[in-house]
């Protein structure tokens, strides 16, 4: 057993970089998956609609921790070698894709029906209608809740500690096991999480107020 020192703080700060990196990877990957899911949920194709609904129900209806377990322990059973970094990134990407897809589906369907009818009247194909008319307007509505959900992704990365990925929470566990100073160690971990998430929460709130003001004009 030893006392908490500068090297321990440095280790925790380095782990925070991995938390941010994992969050960004999950956000970008989940955004790509979520866009496909949102478009499928808004389409008239029954197969695409059924598949996207099934995807959303599975990943929104089961705990993220269970999804991490299934990816990390299930991949070797299927013959794939997977490390904690890849397993955490894949599970968080799929989970984020389901939630972002549903958020963006609501934003797409929030576009007034007149805009859809105007696009149909111009003879636009589904692809052009979505690209030129619907998605640019939906993007304006989607930005605040999307930024807000990024906070949930950052906090969700803490569950990756359970499969051995050394992010912020896991680093705190390692240092605590060596120093036996849980109050100090996990207070520092909590402060770092707060410093990451608080600016994002403020940004989401600012965007929501700006959106509300623009819609009221």
C-alpha atoms as a PDB file:
ATOM      1  CA  UNK A   1       0.000   0.000   0.000  1.00  0.00           C
ATOM      2  CA  UNK A   2       1.223   3.525  -0.808  1.00  0.00           C
ATOM      3  CA  UNK A   3      -0.049   7.082  -0.669  1.00  0.00           C
ATOM      4  CA  UNK A   4      -1.661   8.862  -3.570  1.00  0.00           C
ATOM      5  CA  UNK A   5       0.910  10.861  -5.547  1.00  0.00           C
ATOM      6  CA  UNK A   6       1.521  12.843  -8.688  1.00  0.00           C
ATOM      7  CA  UNK A   7       2.197   9.718 -10.764  1.00  0.00           C
ATOM      8  CA  UNK A   8      -1.261   8.416  -9.825  1.00  0.00           C
ATOM      9  CA  UNK A   9      -2.896  11.666 -10.875  1.00  0.00           C
ATOM     10  CA  UNK A  10      -0.969  11.554 -14.150  1.00  0.00           C
ATOM     11  CA  UNK A  11      -2.182   7.987 -14.763  1.00  0.00           C
ATOM     12  CA  UNK A  12      -5.789   9.039 -14.191  1.00  0.00           C
ATOM     13  CA  UNK A  13      -5.423  12.010 -16.555  1.00  0.00           C
ATOM     14  CA  UNK A  14      -3.956   9.743 -19.240  1.00  0.00           C
ATOM     15  CA  UNK A  15      -6.894   7.385 -18.813  1.00  0.00           C
ATOM     16  CA  UNK A  16      -9.229  10.369 -19.268  1.00  0.00           C
ATOM     17  CA  UNK A  17      -7.772  10.754 -22.760  1.00  0.00           C
ATOM     18  CA  UNK A  18      -8.871   7.195 -23.537  1.00  0.00           C
ATOM     19  CA  UNK A  19     -12.333   8.005 -22.211  1.00  0.00           C
ATOM     20  CA  UNK A  20     -12.562  10.958 -24.592  1.00  0.00           C
ATOM     21  CA  UNK A  21     -11.190   8.914 -27.497  1.00  0.00           C
ATOM     22  CA  UNK A  22     -13.668   6.086 -26.872  1.00  0.00           C
ATOM     23  CA  UNK A  23     -16.525   8.601 -26.577  1.00  0.00           C
ATOM     24  CA  UNK A  24     -15.626  10.244 -29.882  1.00  0.00           C
ATOM     25  CA  UNK A  25     -15.316   6.879 -31.622  1.00  0.00           C
ATOM     26  CA  UNK A  26     -18.703   5.772 -30.280  1.00  0.00           C
ATOM     27  CA  UNK A  27     -20.272   9.112 -31.218  1.00  0.00           C
ATOM     28  CA  UNK A  28     -18.959   9.135 -34.792  1.00  0.00           C
ATOM     29  CA  UNK A  29     -19.650   5.449 -35.372  1.00  0.00           C
ATOM     30  CA  UNK A  30     -23.021   5.677 -33.662  1.00  0.00           C
ATOM     31  CA  UNK A  31     -23.853   8.721 -35.759  1.00  0.00           C
ATOM     32  CA  UNK A  32     -23.237   6.811 -38.981  1.00  0.00           C
ATOM     33  CA  UNK A  33     -25.293   3.856 -37.746  1.00  0.00           C
ATOM     34  CA  UNK A  34     -27.970   6.182 -36.386  1.00  0.00           C
ATOM     35  CA  UNK A  35     -28.335   8.007 -39.693  1.00  0.00           C
ATOM     36  CA  UNK A  36     -28.971   4.730 -41.509  1.00  0.00           C
ATOM     37  CA  UNK A  37     -31.420   3.642 -38.822  1.00  0.00           C
ATOM     38  CA  UNK A  38     -33.262   6.988 -38.897  1.00  0.00           C
ATOM     39  CA  UNK A  39     -33.611   6.888 -42.686  1.00  0.00           C
ATOM     40  CA  UNK A  40     -34.855   3.296 -42.563  1.00  0.00           C
ATOM     41  CA  UNK A  41     -37.367   4.208 -39.834  1.00  0.00           C
ATOM     42  CA  UNK A  42     -38.643   7.063 -42.008  1.00  0.00           C
ATOM     43  CA  UNK A  43     -38.853   5.072 -45.236  1.00  0.00           C
ATOM     44  CA  UNK A  44     -41.835   3.322 -46.778  1.00  0.00           C
ATOM     45  CA  UNK A  45     -39.875   0.089 -47.284  1.00  0.00           C
ATOM     46  CA  UNK A  46     -41.381  -2.504 -44.957  1.00  0.00           C
ATOM     47  CA  UNK A  47     -38.222  -4.610 -44.747  1.00  0.00           C
ATOM     48  CA  UNK A  48     -36.026  -1.630 -43.864  1.00  0.00           C
ATOM     49  CA  UNK A  49     -38.636  -0.418 -41.394  1.00  0.00           C
ATOM     50  CA  UNK A  50     -38.886  -3.815 -39.675  1.00  0.00           C
ATOM     51  CA  UNK A  51     -35.109  -4.280 -39.483  1.00  0.00           C
ATOM     52  CA  UNK A  52     -34.511  -0.804 -38.072  1.00  0.00           C
ATOM     53  CA  UNK A  53     -37.290  -1.207 -35.502  1.00  0.00           C
ATOM     54  CA  UNK A  54     -35.854  -4.566 -34.428  1.00  0.00           C
ATOM     55  CA  UNK A  55     -32.372  -3.050 -34.090  1.00  0.00           C
ATOM     56  CA  UNK A  56     -33.688  -0.199 -31.962  1.00  0.00           C
ATOM     57  CA  UNK A  57     -35.754  -2.469 -29.717  1.00  0.00           C
ATOM     58  CA  UNK A  58     -32.806  -4.795 -29.078  1.00  0.00           C
ATOM     59  CA  UNK A  59     -30.219  -2.150 -28.236  1.00  0.00           C
ATOM     60  CA  UNK A  60     -32.561   0.190 -26.380  1.00  0.00           C
ATOM     61  CA  UNK A  61     -34.270  -2.655 -24.542  1.00  0.00           C
ATOM     62  CA  UNK A  62     -31.151  -4.297 -23.093  1.00  0.00           C
ATOM     63  CA  UNK A  63     -28.545  -2.851 -20.690  1.00  0.00           C
ATOM     64  CA  UNK A  64     -25.342  -1.488 -22.179  1.00  0.00           C
ATOM     65  CA  UNK A  65     -23.384  -3.592 -19.692  1.00  0.00           C
ATOM     66  CA  UNK A  66     -24.973  -6.760 -21.089  1.00  0.00           C
ATOM     67  CA  UNK A  67     -24.131  -5.638 -24.629  1.00  0.00           C
ATOM     68  CA  UNK A  68     -20.490  -5.152 -23.611  1.00  0.00           C
ATOM     69  CA  UNK A  69     -20.443  -8.669 -22.169  1.00  0.00           C
ATOM     70  CA  UNK A  70     -22.009 -10.181 -25.283  1.00  0.00           C
ATOM     71  CA  UNK A  71     -19.543  -8.486 -27.629  1.00  0.00           C
ATOM     72  CA  UNK A  72     -16.439  -9.127 -25.509  1.00  0.00           C
ATOM     73  CA  UNK A  73     -17.197 -12.718 -24.494  1.00  0.00           C
ATOM     74  CA  UNK A  74     -19.326 -13.668 -27.478  1.00  0.00           C
ATOM     75  CA  UNK A  75     -16.854 -12.757 -30.223  1.00  0.00           C
ATOM     76  CA  UNK A  76     -14.281 -15.448 -29.215  1.00  0.00           C
ATOM     77  CA  UNK A  77     -17.046 -18.059 -29.222  1.00  0.00           C
ATOM     78  CA  UNK A  78     -17.711 -17.140 -32.856  1.00  0.00           C
ATOM     79  CA  UNK A  79     -14.009 -17.373 -33.668  1.00  0.00           C
ATOM     80  CA  UNK A  80     -13.089 -13.674 -33.554  1.00  0.00           C
ATOM     81  CA  UNK A  81     -10.203 -12.404 -31.443  1.00  0.00           C
ATOM     82  CA  UNK A  82     -11.262  -9.120 -29.899  1.00  0.00           C
ATOM     83  CA  UNK A  83      -9.568  -6.875 -27.344  1.00  0.00           C
ATOM     84  CA  UNK A  84     -11.316  -4.708 -24.728  1.00  0.00           C
ATOM     85  CA  UNK A  85     -10.769  -1.516 -26.781  1.00  0.00           C
ATOM     86  CA  UNK A  86     -12.473  -2.926 -29.882  1.00  0.00           C
ATOM     87  CA  UNK A  87     -15.228  -4.594 -27.876  1.00  0.00           C
ATOM     88  CA  UNK A  88     -16.040  -1.375 -26.005  1.00  0.00           C
ATOM     89  CA  UNK A  89     -15.990   0.692 -29.199  1.00  0.00           C
ATOM     90  CA  UNK A  90     -18.266  -1.765 -31.050  1.00  0.00           C
ATOM     91  CA  UNK A  91     -20.796  -2.119 -28.233  1.00  0.00           C
ATOM     92  CA  UNK A  92     -20.956   1.636 -27.603  1.00  0.00           C
ATOM     93  CA  UNK A  93     -21.243   2.346 -31.336  1.00  0.00           C
ATOM     94  CA  UNK A  94     -24.198  -0.007 -31.766  1.00  0.00           C
ATOM     95  CA  UNK A  95     -25.882   1.239 -28.601  1.00  0.00           C
ATOM     96  CA  UNK A  96     -25.381   4.888 -29.582  1.00  0.00           C
ATOM     97  CA  UNK A  97     -26.607   4.146 -33.096  1.00  0.00           C
ATOM     98  CA  UNK A  98     -29.912   2.875 -31.740  1.00  0.00           C
ATOM     99  CA  UNK A  99     -30.495   5.913 -29.535  1.00  0.00           C
ATOM    100  CA  UNK A 100     -29.296   8.480 -32.073  1.00  0.00           C
ATOM    101  CA  UNK A 101     -31.320   6.784 -34.786  1.00  0.00           C
ATOM    102  CA  UNK A 102     -34.493   7.193 -32.761  1.00  0.00           C
ATOM    103  CA  UNK A 103     -33.631  10.794 -31.858  1.00  0.00           C
ATOM    104  CA  UNK A 104     -33.014  11.662 -35.501  1.00  0.00           C
ATOM    105  CA  UNK A 105     -36.090   9.768 -36.657  1.00  0.00           C
ATOM    106  CA  UNK A 106     -38.172  12.033 -34.430  1.00  0.00           C
ATOM    107  CA  UNK A 107     -36.429  15.099 -35.878  1.00  0.00           C
ATOM    108  CA  UNK A 108     -37.083  13.940 -39.448  1.00  0.00           C
ATOM    109  CA  UNK A 109     -40.749  13.308 -38.731  1.00  0.00           C
ATOM    110  CA  UNK A 110     -41.015  16.697 -37.008  1.00  0.00           C
ATOM    111  CA  UNK A 111     -40.597  18.423 -40.364  1.00  0.00           C
ATOM    112  CA  UNK A 112     -44.007  19.890 -41.366  1.00  0.00           C
ATOM    113  CA  UNK A 113     -46.007  17.748 -43.759  1.00  0.00           C
ATOM    114  CA  UNK A 114     -46.176  20.642 -46.184  1.00  0.00           C
ATOM    115  CA  UNK A 115     -42.440  20.364 -46.802  1.00  0.00           C
ATOM    116  CA  UNK A 116     -42.813  16.707 -47.758  1.00  0.00           C
ATOM    117  CA  UNK A 117     -45.752  17.502 -50.031  1.00  0.00           C
ATOM    118  CA  UNK A 118     -43.853  20.354 -51.690  1.00  0.00           C
ATOM    119  CA  UNK A 119     -40.945  18.021 -52.431  1.00  0.00           C
ATOM    120  CA  UNK A 120     -43.351  15.470 -53.906  1.00  0.00           C
ATOM    121  CA  UNK A 121     -44.964  18.175 -55.995  1.00  0.00           C
ATOM    122  CA  UNK A 122     -41.565  19.035 -57.463  1.00  0.00           C
ATOM    123  CA  UNK A 123     -41.142  15.426 -58.497  1.00  0.00           C
ATOM    124  CA  UNK A 124     -38.074  14.860 -56.330  1.00  0.00           C
ATOM    125  CA  UNK A 125     -36.918  11.309 -55.754  1.00  0.00           C
ATOM    126  CA  UNK A 126     -36.785   9.984 -52.181  1.00  0.00           C
ATOM    127  CA  UNK A 127     -33.019  10.483 -52.121  1.00  0.00           C
ATOM    128  CA  UNK A 128     -33.173  14.077 -53.359  1.00  0.00           C
ATOM    129  CA  UNK A 129     -36.140  14.870 -51.128  1.00  0.00           C
ATOM    130  CA  UNK A 130     -34.247  13.740 -48.048  1.00  0.00           C
ATOM    131  CA  UNK A 131     -30.942  15.324 -49.076  1.00  0.00           C
ATOM    132  CA  UNK A 132     -32.208  18.710 -50.285  1.00  0.00           C
ATOM    133  CA  UNK A 133     -35.395  19.322 -48.315  1.00  0.00           C
ATOM    134  CA  UNK A 134     -35.888  17.198 -45.208  1.00  0.00           C
ATOM    135  CA  UNK A 135     -32.446  16.503 -43.729  1.00  0.00           C
ATOM    136  CA  UNK A 136     -31.172  20.123 -43.770  1.00  0.00           C
ATOM    137  CA  UNK A 137     -34.217  21.171 -41.735  1.00  0.00           C
ATOM    138  CA  UNK A 138     -34.063  18.120 -39.467  1.00  0.00           C
ATOM    139  CA  UNK A 139     -30.391  18.818 -38.754  1.00  0.00           C
ATOM    140  CA  UNK A 140     -31.274  22.132 -37.154  1.00  0.00           C
ATOM    141  CA  UNK A 141     -33.691  20.394 -34.782  1.00  0.00           C
ATOM    142  CA  UNK A 142     -31.370  17.448 -34.109  1.00  0.00           C
ATOM    143  CA  UNK A 143     -28.241  19.307 -32.984  1.00  0.00           C
ATOM    144  CA  UNK A 144     -29.290  20.127 -29.360  1.00  0.00           C
ATOM    145  CA  UNK A 145     -30.485  16.609 -28.376  1.00  0.00           C
ATOM    146  CA  UNK A 146     -27.527  15.069 -30.195  1.00  0.00           C
ATOM    147  CA  UNK A 147     -25.025  17.131 -28.223  1.00  0.00           C
ATOM    148  CA  UNK A 148     -26.964  16.314 -25.072  1.00  0.00           C
ATOM    149  CA  UNK A 149     -26.757  12.608 -25.817  1.00  0.00           C
ATOM    150  CA  UNK A 150     -22.985  12.887 -26.178  1.00  0.00           C
ATOM    151  CA  UNK A 151     -22.923  13.430 -22.405  1.00  0.00           C
ATOM    152  CA  UNK A 152     -24.590  10.038 -21.966  1.00  0.00           C
ATOM    153  CA  UNK A 153     -21.974   8.422 -24.195  1.00  0.00           C
ATOM    154  CA  UNK A 154     -19.145   9.877 -22.113  1.00  0.00           C
ATOM    155  CA  UNK A 155     -20.693   8.531 -18.900  1.00  0.00           C
ATOM    156  CA  UNK A 156     -21.483   5.219 -20.570  1.00  0.00           C
ATOM    157  CA  UNK A 157     -17.804   4.608 -21.274  1.00  0.00           C
ATOM    158  CA  UNK A 158     -17.359   3.977 -17.538  1.00  0.00           C
ATOM    159  CA  UNK A 159     -18.996   0.568 -18.014  1.00  0.00           C
ATOM    160  CA  UNK A 160     -16.106  -0.479 -20.251  1.00  0.00           C
ATOM    161  CA  UNK A 161     -14.071  -0.891 -17.058  1.00  0.00           C
ATOM    162  CA  UNK A 162     -15.914  -4.147 -16.415  1.00  0.00           C
ATOM    163  CA  UNK A 163     -14.284  -5.812 -19.459  1.00  0.00           C
ATOM    164  CA  UNK A 164     -10.809  -4.509 -18.609  1.00  0.00           C
ATOM    165  CA  UNK A 165     -10.601  -1.400 -20.779  1.00  0.00           C
ATOM    166  CA  UNK A 166      -8.468   1.143 -18.930  1.00  0.00           C
ATOM    167  CA  UNK A 167     -10.535   4.287 -19.140  1.00  0.00           C
ATOM    168  CA  UNK A 168     -11.180   6.836 -16.403  1.00  0.00           C
ATOM    169  CA  UNK A 169     -13.195   4.630 -14.060  1.00  0.00           C
ATOM    170  CA  UNK A 170     -10.883   1.647 -14.507  1.00  0.00           C
ATOM    171  CA  UNK A 171      -7.861   3.855 -13.795  1.00  0.00           C
ATOM    172  CA  UNK A 172      -9.539   4.980 -10.579  1.00  0.00           C
ATOM    173  CA  UNK A 173     -10.100   1.359  -9.572  1.00  0.00           C
ATOM    174  CA  UNK A 174      -6.454   0.490 -10.227  1.00  0.00           C
ATOM    175  CA  UNK A 175      -5.142   3.445  -8.205  1.00  0.00           C
ATOM    176  CA  UNK A 176      -7.590   2.784  -5.381  1.00  0.00           C
ATOM    177  CA  UNK A 177      -6.469  -0.847  -5.131  1.00  0.00           C
ATOM    178  CA  UNK A 178      -2.899   0.388  -4.682  1.00  0.00           C
ATOM    179  CA  UNK A 179      -3.534   3.317  -2.326  1.00  0.00           C
ATOM    180  CA  UNK A 180      -6.774   2.373  -0.501  1.00  0.00           C
ATOM    181  CA  UNK A 181      -7.907   5.990  -0.656  1.00  0.00           C
ATOM    182  CA  UNK A 182     -11.300   5.626  -2.373  1.00  0.00           C
ATOM    183  CA  UNK A 183     -12.690   9.002  -1.275  1.00  0.00           C
ATOM    184  CA  UNK A 184      -9.765  10.906  -2.775  1.00  0.00           C
ATOM    185  CA  UNK A 185      -9.351   8.773  -5.887  1.00  0.00           C
ATOM    186  CA  UNK A 186     -12.978   8.588  -6.951  1.00  0.00           C
ATOM    187  CA  UNK A 187     -13.581  12.248  -6.080  1.00  0.00           C
ATOM    188  CA  UNK A 188     -10.852  13.123  -8.594  1.00  0.00           C
ATOM    189  CA  UNK A 189     -12.418  10.757 -11.145  1.00  0.00           C
ATOM    190  CA  UNK A 190     -15.839  12.363 -10.586  1.00  0.00           C
ATOM    191  CA  UNK A 191     -14.393  15.869 -11.000  1.00  0.00           C
ATOM    192  CA  UNK A 192     -12.773  14.904 -14.304  1.00  0.00           C
ATOM    193  CA  UNK A 193     -16.045  13.434 -15.569  1.00  0.00           C
ATOM    194  CA  UNK A 194     -17.786  16.637 -14.528  1.00  0.00           C
ATOM    195  CA  UNK A 195     -15.200  18.768 -16.348  1.00  0.00           C
ATOM    196  CA  UNK A 196     -15.816  16.752 -19.524  1.00  0.00           C
ATOM    197  CA  UNK A 197     -19.613  16.607 -19.364  1.00  0.00           C
ATOM    198  CA  UNK A 198     -20.531  20.016 -17.938  1.00  0.00           C
ATOM    199  CA  UNK A 199     -19.417  22.070 -20.985  1.00  0.00           C
ATOM    200  CA  UNK A 200     -21.337  19.671 -23.245  1.00  0.00           C
ATOM    201  CA  UNK A 201     -24.461  20.092 -21.100  1.00  0.00           C
ATOM    202  CA  UNK A 202     -24.121  23.872 -21.253  1.00  0.00           C
ATOM    203  CA  UNK A 203     -23.659  23.721 -25.029  1.00  0.00           C
ATOM    204  CA  UNK A 204     -26.761  21.542 -25.449  1.00  0.00           C
ATOM    205  CA  UNK A 205     -28.832  23.902 -23.298  1.00  0.00           C
ATOM    206  CA  UNK A 206     -27.585  26.937 -25.247  1.00  0.00           C
ATOM    207  CA  UNK A 207     -28.479  25.269 -28.544  1.00  0.00           C
ATOM    208  CA  UNK A 208     -31.953  24.362 -27.275  1.00  0.00           C
ATOM    209  CA  UNK A 209     -32.614  27.977 -26.271  1.00  0.00           C
ATOM    210  CA  UNK A 210     -31.409  29.250 -29.649  1.00  0.00           C
ATOM    211  CA  UNK A 211     -33.595  26.720 -31.456  1.00  0.00           C
ATOM    212  CA  UNK A 212     -36.635  27.659 -29.365  1.00  0.00           C
ATOM    213  CA  UNK A 213     -36.024  31.360 -30.062  1.00  0.00           C
ATOM    214  CA  UNK A 214     -35.696  30.792 -33.820  1.00  0.00           C
ATOM    215  CA  UNK A 215     -38.860  28.681 -33.965  1.00  0.00           C
ATOM    216  CA  UNK A 216     -40.868  31.317 -32.059  1.00  0.00           C
ATOM    217  CA  UNK A 217     -40.138  34.029 -34.622  1.00  0.00           C
END
